[in-house]
Amino acid sequence: MTAHRPAMSHDGPITPEELLTVPQVMARLQLGRSAVYDLLRTRQLASITLGRARRIPAHELADFIRTRLDQEAA
């Protein structure tokens, strides 16, 4: 039997608390479900699929926001 190793983030292993659901991202960005799925579909926001569930690593959401802020400032 092999040991399960957690996925790695920028600063170390990703914990389940760092994997956000679509409704959590909707709340944080104050966007609707379709808008969030459009960001995922167009790969502007990275995600992973676990079975049928879609999860967004918190660091990917932070990177997305940082990128958008940089684009707005330019």
Protein backbone atom coordinates (compact mmCIF):
# COMPACT_ATOMS: atom_id res chain seq x y z
CA MET A 1 0.00 0.00 0.00
CA THR A 2 1.37 3.42 -0.91
CA ALA A 3 1.12 6.47 1.30
CA HIS A 4 -1.01 9.37 0.10
CA ARG A 5 0.97 12.54 -0.39
CA PRO A 6 -0.90 15.86 -0.32
CA ALA A 7 -0.70 18.09 -3.39
CA MET A 8 1.81 20.89 -3.13
CA SER A 9 0.94 24.59 -3.23
CA HIS A 10 3.24 27.59 -3.46
CA ASP A 11 4.05 27.30 0.24
CA GLY A 12 3.72 23.56 0.88
CA PRO A 13 0.99 20.92 0.96
CA ILE A 14 -2.58 21.91 0.06
CA THR A 15 -5.07 21.19 2.81
CA PRO A 16 -8.80 20.61 2.18
CA GLU A 17 -9.48 24.07 3.63
CA GLU A 18 -7.47 25.52 0.74
CA LEU A 19 -9.68 23.89 -1.90
CA LEU A 20 -12.66 26.13 -2.55
CA THR A 21 -16.03 25.10 -3.94
CA VAL A 22 -17.70 27.04 -6.74
CA PRO A 23 -20.20 28.60 -4.27
CA GLN A 24 -17.29 29.75 -2.08
CA VAL A 25 -15.61 31.38 -5.08
CA MET A 26 -18.96 32.93 -6.08
CA ALA A 27 -19.21 34.50 -2.63
CA ARG A 28 -15.61 35.74 -2.57
CA LEU A 29 -15.82 37.30 -6.02
CA GLN A 30 -19.48 38.33 -5.66
CA LEU A 31 -20.23 36.73 -9.02
CA GLY A 32 -22.93 34.38 -10.18
CA ARG A 33 -22.53 30.68 -10.86
CA SER A 34 -22.40 31.12 -14.65
CA ALA A 35 -19.70 33.79 -14.42
CA VAL A 36 -17.51 31.55 -12.24
CA TYR A 37 -17.99 28.56 -14.56
CA ASP A 38 -17.11 30.82 -17.52
CA LEU A 39 -13.82 31.71 -15.78
CA LEU A 40 -13.15 28.00 -15.27
CA ARG A 41 -14.16 27.05 -18.82
CA THR A 42 -11.89 29.72 -20.36
CA ARG A 43 -9.08 28.69 -17.98
CA GLN A 44 -8.76 32.18 -16.56
CA LEU A 45 -9.22 30.50 -13.18
CA ALA A 46 -7.54 27.14 -12.61
CA SER A 47 -9.33 24.25 -10.94
CA ILE A 48 -9.15 20.53 -10.31
CA THR A 49 -11.88 17.95 -10.68
CA LEU A 50 -12.42 15.33 -7.99
CA GLY A 51 -14.95 12.91 -9.37
CA ARG A 52 -17.77 15.22 -10.40
CA ALA A 53 -16.79 17.96 -7.95
CA ARG A 54 -14.87 21.03 -9.10
CA ARG A 55 -12.43 22.58 -6.61
CA ILE A 56 -10.41 25.77 -6.93
CA PRO A 57 -7.16 25.98 -4.97
CA ALA A 58 -7.19 29.15 -2.84
CA HIS A 59 -3.78 30.18 -4.19
CA GLU A 60 -5.16 30.02 -7.75
CA LEU A 61 -7.98 32.40 -6.76
CA ALA A 62 -5.43 34.75 -5.16
CA ASP A 63 -3.27 34.58 -8.33
CA PHE A 64 -6.32 35.31 -10.49
CA ILE A 65 -7.21 38.37 -8.40
CA ARG A 66 -3.60 39.59 -8.38
CA THR A 67 -3.40 39.23 -12.18
CA ARG A 68 -6.63 41.14 -12.67
CA LEU A 69 -5.44 43.92 -10.37
CA ASP A 70 -2.18 44.16 -12.32
CA GLN A 71 -4.09 44.33 -15.60
CA GLU A 72 -6.33 47.09 -14.26
CA ALA A 73 -3.31 49.08 -13.05
CA ALA A 74 -1.54 48.88 -16.42
